[in-house]
Amino acid sequence: MSRKSKTCFNKLNGRPLSEYYSKTEALESASYIKKKFRQNLVPYKCSKCGFWHLSPKNRQTPSTTCKYCTDRNGNYKELYQSKSDAEKRAKILARENHVRLNVYKCPYSDGWHLTKK
């Protein structure tokens, strides 16, 4: 059973995201939505709230948190598995947040980061 988040919101329309307690629960909901509405959604674990949310499959850019690199505020950067995943995320952020980001190879691990520089 999902509930509406108090901390996480859809970036396009500002509505609260649905929260799921487990990946299994999120997968079941994604399957239902695919059958009923023909939308292809995939679950992801939110680093902000710790719950599971659903996202359109074409917006998925798998990442982990880099253990070495930080942003200007001291927060650890996201580490994308491939250059194409990082480029895809940069395009999404450019479209949604109107910010231009560049992609660069992480100097410490096997992955890619985004930067405003």
C-alpha atoms as a PDB file:
ATOM      1  CA  MET A   1       0.000   0.000   0.000  1.00  0.00           C
ATOM      2  CA  SER A   2       1.442   3.361  -0.985  1.00  0.00           C
ATOM      3  CA  ARG A   3       1.065   6.683   0.712  1.00  0.00           C
ATOM      4  CA  LYS A   4       1.861  10.203  -0.446  1.00  0.00           C
ATOM      5  CA  SER A   5       5.255  11.579   0.508  1.00  0.00           C
ATOM      6  CA  LYS A   6       5.659  14.623   2.719  1.00  0.00           C
ATOM      7  CA  THR A   7       9.207  15.252   1.455  1.00  0.00           C
ATOM      8  CA  CYS A   8       9.436  14.130  -2.195  1.00  0.00           C
ATOM      9  CA  PHE A   9       7.591  15.767  -5.075  1.00  0.00           C
ATOM     10  CA  ASN A  10       7.190  15.348  -8.812  1.00  0.00           C
ATOM     11  CA  LYS A  11       9.530  17.858 -10.440  1.00  0.00           C
ATOM     12  CA  LEU A  12       7.169  18.472 -13.351  1.00  0.00           C
ATOM     13  CA  ASN A  13       3.878  19.085 -11.544  1.00  0.00           C
ATOM     14  CA  GLY A  14       4.836  19.514  -7.868  1.00  0.00           C
ATOM     15  CA  ARG A  15       2.550  16.736  -6.605  1.00  0.00           C
ATOM     16  CA  PRO A  16       3.752  14.431  -3.801  1.00  0.00           C
ATOM     17  CA  LEU A  17       5.274  11.147  -4.954  1.00  0.00           C
ATOM     18  CA  SER A  18       3.852   7.832  -3.822  1.00  0.00           C
ATOM     19  CA  GLU A  19       6.013   6.052  -1.255  1.00  0.00           C
ATOM     20  CA  TYR A  20       6.403   2.283  -1.043  1.00  0.00           C
ATOM     21  CA  TYR A  21       7.919   0.410   1.877  1.00  0.00           C
ATOM     22  CA  SER A  22       9.683  -2.203  -0.260  1.00  0.00           C
ATOM     23  CA  LYS A  23      10.949  -2.797  -3.781  1.00  0.00           C
ATOM     24  CA  THR A  24       8.477  -5.673  -4.119  1.00  0.00           C
ATOM     25  CA  GLU A  25       5.575  -3.386  -3.253  1.00  0.00           C
ATOM     26  CA  ALA A  26       6.804  -0.783  -5.771  1.00  0.00           C
ATOM     27  CA  LEU A  27       7.227  -3.447  -8.480  1.00  0.00           C
ATOM     28  CA  GLU A  28       3.670  -4.669  -7.909  1.00  0.00           C
ATOM     29  CA  SER A  29       2.362  -1.138  -8.260  1.00  0.00           C
ATOM     30  CA  ALA A  30       4.419  -0.567 -11.425  1.00  0.00           C
ATOM     31  CA  SER A  31       2.975  -3.760 -12.901  1.00  0.00           C
ATOM     32  CA  TYR A  32      -0.574  -2.646 -12.102  1.00  0.00           C
ATOM     33  CA  ILE A  33       0.029   0.797 -13.631  1.00  0.00           C
ATOM     34  CA  LYS A  34       1.499  -0.763 -16.769  1.00  0.00           C
ATOM     35  CA  LYS A  35      -1.569  -2.978 -17.243  1.00  0.00           C
ATOM     36  CA  LYS A  36      -4.142  -0.313 -16.434  1.00  0.00           C
ATOM     37  CA  PHE A  37      -2.563   2.855 -17.899  1.00  0.00           C
ATOM     38  CA  ARG A  38       0.129   1.476 -20.247  1.00  0.00           C
ATOM     39  CA  GLN A  39       2.814   3.486 -18.489  1.00  0.00           C
ATOM     40  CA  ASN A  40       6.213   1.852 -18.085  1.00  0.00           C
ATOM     41  CA  LEU A  41       7.418   2.784 -14.594  1.00  0.00           C
ATOM     42  CA  VAL A  42      10.343   1.388 -12.622  1.00  0.00           C
ATOM     43  CA  PRO A  43      11.062   1.565  -8.887  1.00  0.00           C
ATOM     44  CA  TYR A  44      14.001   3.338  -7.306  1.00  0.00           C
ATOM     45  CA  LYS A  45      15.058   3.765  -3.701  1.00  0.00           C
ATOM     46  CA  CYS A  46      15.074   7.427  -2.772  1.00  0.00           C
ATOM     47  CA  SER A  47      18.232   8.715  -1.104  1.00  0.00           C
ATOM     48  CA  LYS A  48      16.251  11.598   0.418  1.00  0.00           C
ATOM     49  CA  CYS A  49      13.463   9.733   2.270  1.00  0.00           C
ATOM     50  CA  GLY A  50      14.602   6.084   2.147  1.00  0.00           C
ATOM     51  CA  PHE A  51      11.324   4.860   0.633  1.00  0.00           C
ATOM     52  CA  TRP A  52      10.725   3.498  -2.864  1.00  0.00           C
ATOM     53  CA  HIS A  53       9.195   5.658  -5.608  1.00  0.00           C
ATOM     54  CA  LEU A  54       8.280   5.023  -9.239  1.00  0.00           C
ATOM     55  CA  SER A  55       9.791   6.799 -12.208  1.00  0.00           C
ATOM     56  CA  PRO A  56       9.205   6.595 -15.963  1.00  0.00           C
ATOM     57  CA  LYS A  57      11.674   4.097 -17.370  1.00  0.00           C
ATOM     58  CA  ASN A  58      13.030   6.626 -19.883  1.00  0.00           C
ATOM     59  CA  ARG A  59      14.105   8.900 -16.986  1.00  0.00           C
ATOM     60  CA  GLN A  60      16.121   6.228 -15.190  1.00  0.00           C
ATOM     61  CA  THR A  61      19.810   6.925 -14.924  1.00  0.00           C
ATOM     62  CA  PRO A  62      21.250   4.452 -12.411  1.00  0.00           C
ATOM     63  CA  SER A  63      23.772   5.962 -10.037  1.00  0.00           C
ATOM     64  CA  THR A  64      25.439   5.390  -6.709  1.00  0.00           C
ATOM     65  CA  THR A  65      27.016   7.823  -4.304  1.00  0.00           C
ATOM     66  CA  CYS A  66      30.713   8.382  -4.938  1.00  0.00           C
ATOM     67  CA  LYS A  67      32.871   7.729  -1.871  1.00  0.00           C
ATOM     68  CA  TYR A  68      35.512  10.244  -2.923  1.00  0.00           C
ATOM     69  CA  CYS A  69      34.130  13.260  -4.788  1.00  0.00           C
ATOM     70  CA  THR A  70      32.077  16.071  -3.258  1.00  0.00           C
ATOM     71  CA  ASP A  71      30.249  19.086  -4.605  1.00  0.00           C
ATOM     72  CA  ARG A  72      30.953  22.661  -3.513  1.00  0.00           C
ATOM     73  CA  ASN A  73      28.698  22.148  -0.464  1.00  0.00           C
ATOM     74  CA  GLY A  74      30.601  19.063   0.693  1.00  0.00           C
ATOM     75  CA  ASN A  75      27.910  16.578  -0.358  1.00  0.00           C
ATOM     76  CA  TYR A  76      29.076  13.391  -2.043  1.00  0.00           C
ATOM     77  CA  LYS A  77      28.434  13.396  -5.793  1.00  0.00           C
ATOM     78  CA  GLU A  78      26.344  10.912  -7.717  1.00  0.00           C
ATOM     79  CA  LEU A  79      28.417   8.412  -9.697  1.00  0.00           C
ATOM     80  CA  TYR A  80      26.867   7.273 -12.977  1.00  0.00           C
ATOM     81  CA  GLN A  81      27.803   3.860 -14.360  1.00  0.00           C
ATOM     82  CA  SER A  82      28.315   5.063 -17.917  1.00  0.00           C
ATOM     83  CA  LYS A  83      28.996   8.269 -19.773  1.00  0.00           C
ATOM     84  CA  SER A  84      25.664   7.891 -21.585  1.00  0.00           C
ATOM     85  CA  ASP A  85      23.779   7.623 -18.240  1.00  0.00           C
ATOM     86  CA  ALA A  86      25.479  10.812 -17.026  1.00  0.00           C
ATOM     87  CA  GLU A  87      24.707  12.597 -20.300  1.00  0.00           C
ATOM     88  CA  LYS A  88      21.075  11.473 -20.098  1.00  0.00           C
ATOM     89  CA  ARG A  89      20.783  12.828 -16.531  1.00  0.00           C
ATOM     90  CA  ALA A  90      22.409  16.119 -17.636  1.00  0.00           C
ATOM     91  CA  LYS A  91      19.801  16.488 -20.426  1.00  0.00           C
ATOM     92  CA  ILE A  92      16.938  15.763 -18.019  1.00  0.00           C
ATOM     93  CA  LEU A  93      18.240  18.345 -15.529  1.00  0.00           C
ATOM     94  CA  ALA A  94      18.770  20.897 -18.302  1.00  0.00           C
ATOM     95  CA  ARG A  95      15.174  20.442 -19.453  1.00  0.00           C
ATOM     96  CA  GLU A  96      13.653  20.496 -15.956  1.00  0.00           C
ATOM     97  CA  ASN A  97      15.933  22.926 -14.089  1.00  0.00           C
ATOM     98  CA  HIS A  98      17.301  25.006 -16.974  1.00  0.00           C
ATOM     99  CA  VAL A  99      20.889  24.369 -15.929  1.00  0.00           C
ATOM    100  CA  ARG A 100      23.744  23.318 -18.213  1.00  0.00           C
ATOM    101  CA  LEU A 101      25.852  20.489 -16.833  1.00  0.00           C
ATOM    102  CA  ASN A 102      28.968  18.850 -18.193  1.00  0.00           C
ATOM    103  CA  VAL A 103      30.018  15.234 -17.820  1.00  0.00           C
ATOM    104  CA  TYR A 104      33.465  14.119 -16.670  1.00  0.00           C
ATOM    105  CA  LYS A 105      35.157  10.856 -15.710  1.00  0.00           C
ATOM    106  CA  CYS A 106      35.639  10.326 -11.980  1.00  0.00           C
ATOM    107  CA  PRO A 107      39.357  10.481 -11.214  1.00  0.00           C
ATOM    108  CA  TYR A 108      39.049   7.982  -8.341  1.00  0.00           C
ATOM    109  CA  SER A 109      36.609   5.296  -9.455  1.00  0.00           C
ATOM    110  CA  ASP A 110      35.010   3.726 -12.504  1.00  0.00           C
ATOM    111  CA  GLY A 111      32.166   6.129 -13.268  1.00  0.00           C
ATOM    112  CA  TRP A 112      31.060   9.572 -14.382  1.00  0.00           C
ATOM    113  CA  HIS A 113      30.025  12.803 -12.651  1.00  0.00           C
ATOM    114  CA  LEU A 114      28.177  16.008 -13.539  1.00  0.00           C
ATOM    115  CA  THR A 115      29.522  19.504 -13.032  1.00  0.00           C
ATOM    116  CA  LYS A 116      28.451  23.066 -13.763  1.00  0.00           C
ATOM    117  CA  LYS A 117      32.021  23.976 -14.774  1.00  0.00           C
END
